[in-house]
Amino acid sequence: MLTYVFATILFFGGLIVIFAREQVWKLTVLSNKMSGRASERTRIWDVSMVIVGTVSIALAIVMILLR
């Protein structure tokens, strides 16, 4: 049961990171401000978010299939 909950969180988290990058960027800027760091959105950041989202979704699928 816990595996399905974790897989669901990973799956939807991956979708959010891929398709709602503007909101994720706003959270990143807020986090950086609170830490006293400057924020600069680059192509590398965008690509890394797509990679993280894809890996998250793939891991969720593997977790469900191997369960």
C-alpha atoms as a PDB file:
ATOM      1  CA  MET A   1       0.000   0.000   0.000  1.00  0.00           C
ATOM      2  CA  LEU A   2       2.772   2.416   0.939  1.00  0.00           C
ATOM      3  CA  THR A   3       4.505   1.631  -2.349  1.00  0.00           C
ATOM      4  CA  TYR A   4       1.451   2.777  -4.306  1.00  0.00           C
ATOM      5  CA  VAL A   5       1.231   6.002  -2.332  1.00  0.00           C
ATOM      6  CA  PHE A   6       4.924   6.749  -2.893  1.00  0.00           C
ATOM      7  CA  ALA A   7       4.665   5.837  -6.594  1.00  0.00           C
ATOM      8  CA  THR A   8       1.647   8.122  -6.986  1.00  0.00           C
ATOM      9  CA  ILE A   9       3.505  11.006  -5.353  1.00  0.00           C
ATOM     10  CA  LEU A  10       6.506  10.398  -7.623  1.00  0.00           C
ATOM     11  CA  PHE A  11       4.315  10.207 -10.725  1.00  0.00           C
ATOM     12  CA  PHE A  12       2.347  13.393 -10.085  1.00  0.00           C
ATOM     13  CA  GLY A  13       5.451  15.185  -8.824  1.00  0.00           C
ATOM     14  CA  GLY A  14       7.159  14.339 -12.098  1.00  0.00           C
ATOM     15  CA  LEU A  15       4.212  15.655 -14.084  1.00  0.00           C
ATOM     16  CA  ILE A  16       4.244  18.882 -12.099  1.00  0.00           C
ATOM     17  CA  VAL A  17       7.976  19.376 -12.611  1.00  0.00           C
ATOM     18  CA  ILE A  18       7.636  18.838 -16.366  1.00  0.00           C
ATOM     19  CA  PHE A  19       4.412  20.711 -17.124  1.00  0.00           C
ATOM     20  CA  ALA A  20       4.317  23.411 -14.432  1.00  0.00           C
ATOM     21  CA  ARG A  21       7.894  24.655 -14.661  1.00  0.00           C
ATOM     22  CA  GLU A  22       6.844  28.285 -14.136  1.00  0.00           C
ATOM     23  CA  GLN A  23       5.431  27.455 -10.714  1.00  0.00           C
ATOM     24  CA  VAL A  24       8.447  25.299  -9.863  1.00  0.00           C
ATOM     25  CA  TRP A  25      10.686  28.196 -10.883  1.00  0.00           C
ATOM     26  CA  LYS A  26       8.764  30.565  -8.605  1.00  0.00           C
ATOM     27  CA  LEU A  27       9.285  28.143  -5.708  1.00  0.00           C
ATOM     28  CA  THR A  28      12.990  27.943  -6.567  1.00  0.00           C
ATOM     29  CA  VAL A  29      13.299  31.738  -6.555  1.00  0.00           C
ATOM     30  CA  LEU A  30      11.484  31.918  -3.211  1.00  0.00           C
ATOM     31  CA  SER A  31      13.744  29.252  -1.729  1.00  0.00           C
ATOM     32  CA  ASN A  32      16.851  31.017  -3.027  1.00  0.00           C
ATOM     33  CA  LYS A  33      15.678  34.367  -1.590  1.00  0.00           C
ATOM     34  CA  MET A  34      15.156  32.784   1.798  1.00  0.00           C
ATOM     35  CA  SER A  35      18.684  31.347   1.611  1.00  0.00           C
ATOM     36  CA  GLY A  36      20.193  34.621   0.426  1.00  0.00           C
ATOM     37  CA  ARG A  37      21.147  33.332  -3.018  1.00  0.00           C
ATOM     38  CA  ALA A  38      20.568  34.883  -6.415  1.00  0.00           C
ATOM     39  CA  SER A  39      18.409  33.121  -9.008  1.00  0.00           C
ATOM     40  CA  GLU A  40      19.060  32.864 -12.717  1.00  0.00           C
ATOM     41  CA  ARG A  41      16.904  30.672 -14.910  1.00  0.00           C
ATOM     42  CA  THR A  42      19.004  29.026 -17.566  1.00  0.00           C
ATOM     43  CA  ARG A  43      18.436  26.442 -20.260  1.00  0.00           C
ATOM     44  CA  ILE A  44      20.337  23.973 -18.102  1.00  0.00           C
ATOM     45  CA  TRP A  45      17.789  24.448 -15.294  1.00  0.00           C
ATOM     46  CA  ASP A  46      14.900  23.833 -17.697  1.00  0.00           C
ATOM     47  CA  VAL A  47      16.495  20.703 -19.150  1.00  0.00           C
ATOM     48  CA  SER A  48      17.347  19.370 -15.701  1.00  0.00           C
ATOM     49  CA  MET A  49      13.721  19.782 -14.609  1.00  0.00           C
ATOM     50  CA  VAL A  50      12.545  17.742 -17.604  1.00  0.00           C
ATOM     51  CA  ILE A  51      15.122  15.057 -16.777  1.00  0.00           C
ATOM     52  CA  VAL A  52      14.119  14.976 -13.101  1.00  0.00           C
ATOM     53  CA  GLY A  53      10.437  14.755 -14.036  1.00  0.00           C
ATOM     54  CA  THR A  54      11.035  11.976 -16.564  1.00  0.00           C
ATOM     55  CA  VAL A  55      13.124   9.941 -14.136  1.00  0.00           C
ATOM     56  CA  SER A  56      10.496  10.431 -11.435  1.00  0.00           C
ATOM     57  CA  ILE A  57       7.705   9.183 -13.676  1.00  0.00           C
ATOM     58  CA  ALA A  58       9.791   6.238 -14.884  1.00  0.00           C
ATOM     59  CA  LEU A  59      10.674   5.275 -11.309  1.00  0.00           C
ATOM     60  CA  ALA A  60       6.999   5.429 -10.307  1.00  0.00           C
ATOM     61  CA  ILE A  61       6.054   3.133 -13.187  1.00  0.00           C
ATOM     62  CA  VAL A  62       8.829   0.667 -12.324  1.00  0.00           C
ATOM     63  CA  MET A  63       7.750   0.657  -8.670  1.00  0.00           C
ATOM     64  CA  ILE A  64       4.174  -0.217  -9.634  1.00  0.00           C
ATOM     65  CA  LEU A  65       5.197  -2.867 -12.169  1.00  0.00           C
ATOM     66  CA  LEU A  66       7.594  -4.592  -9.770  1.00  0.00           C
ATOM     67  CA  ARG A  67       5.144  -4.551  -6.894  1.00  0.00           C
END
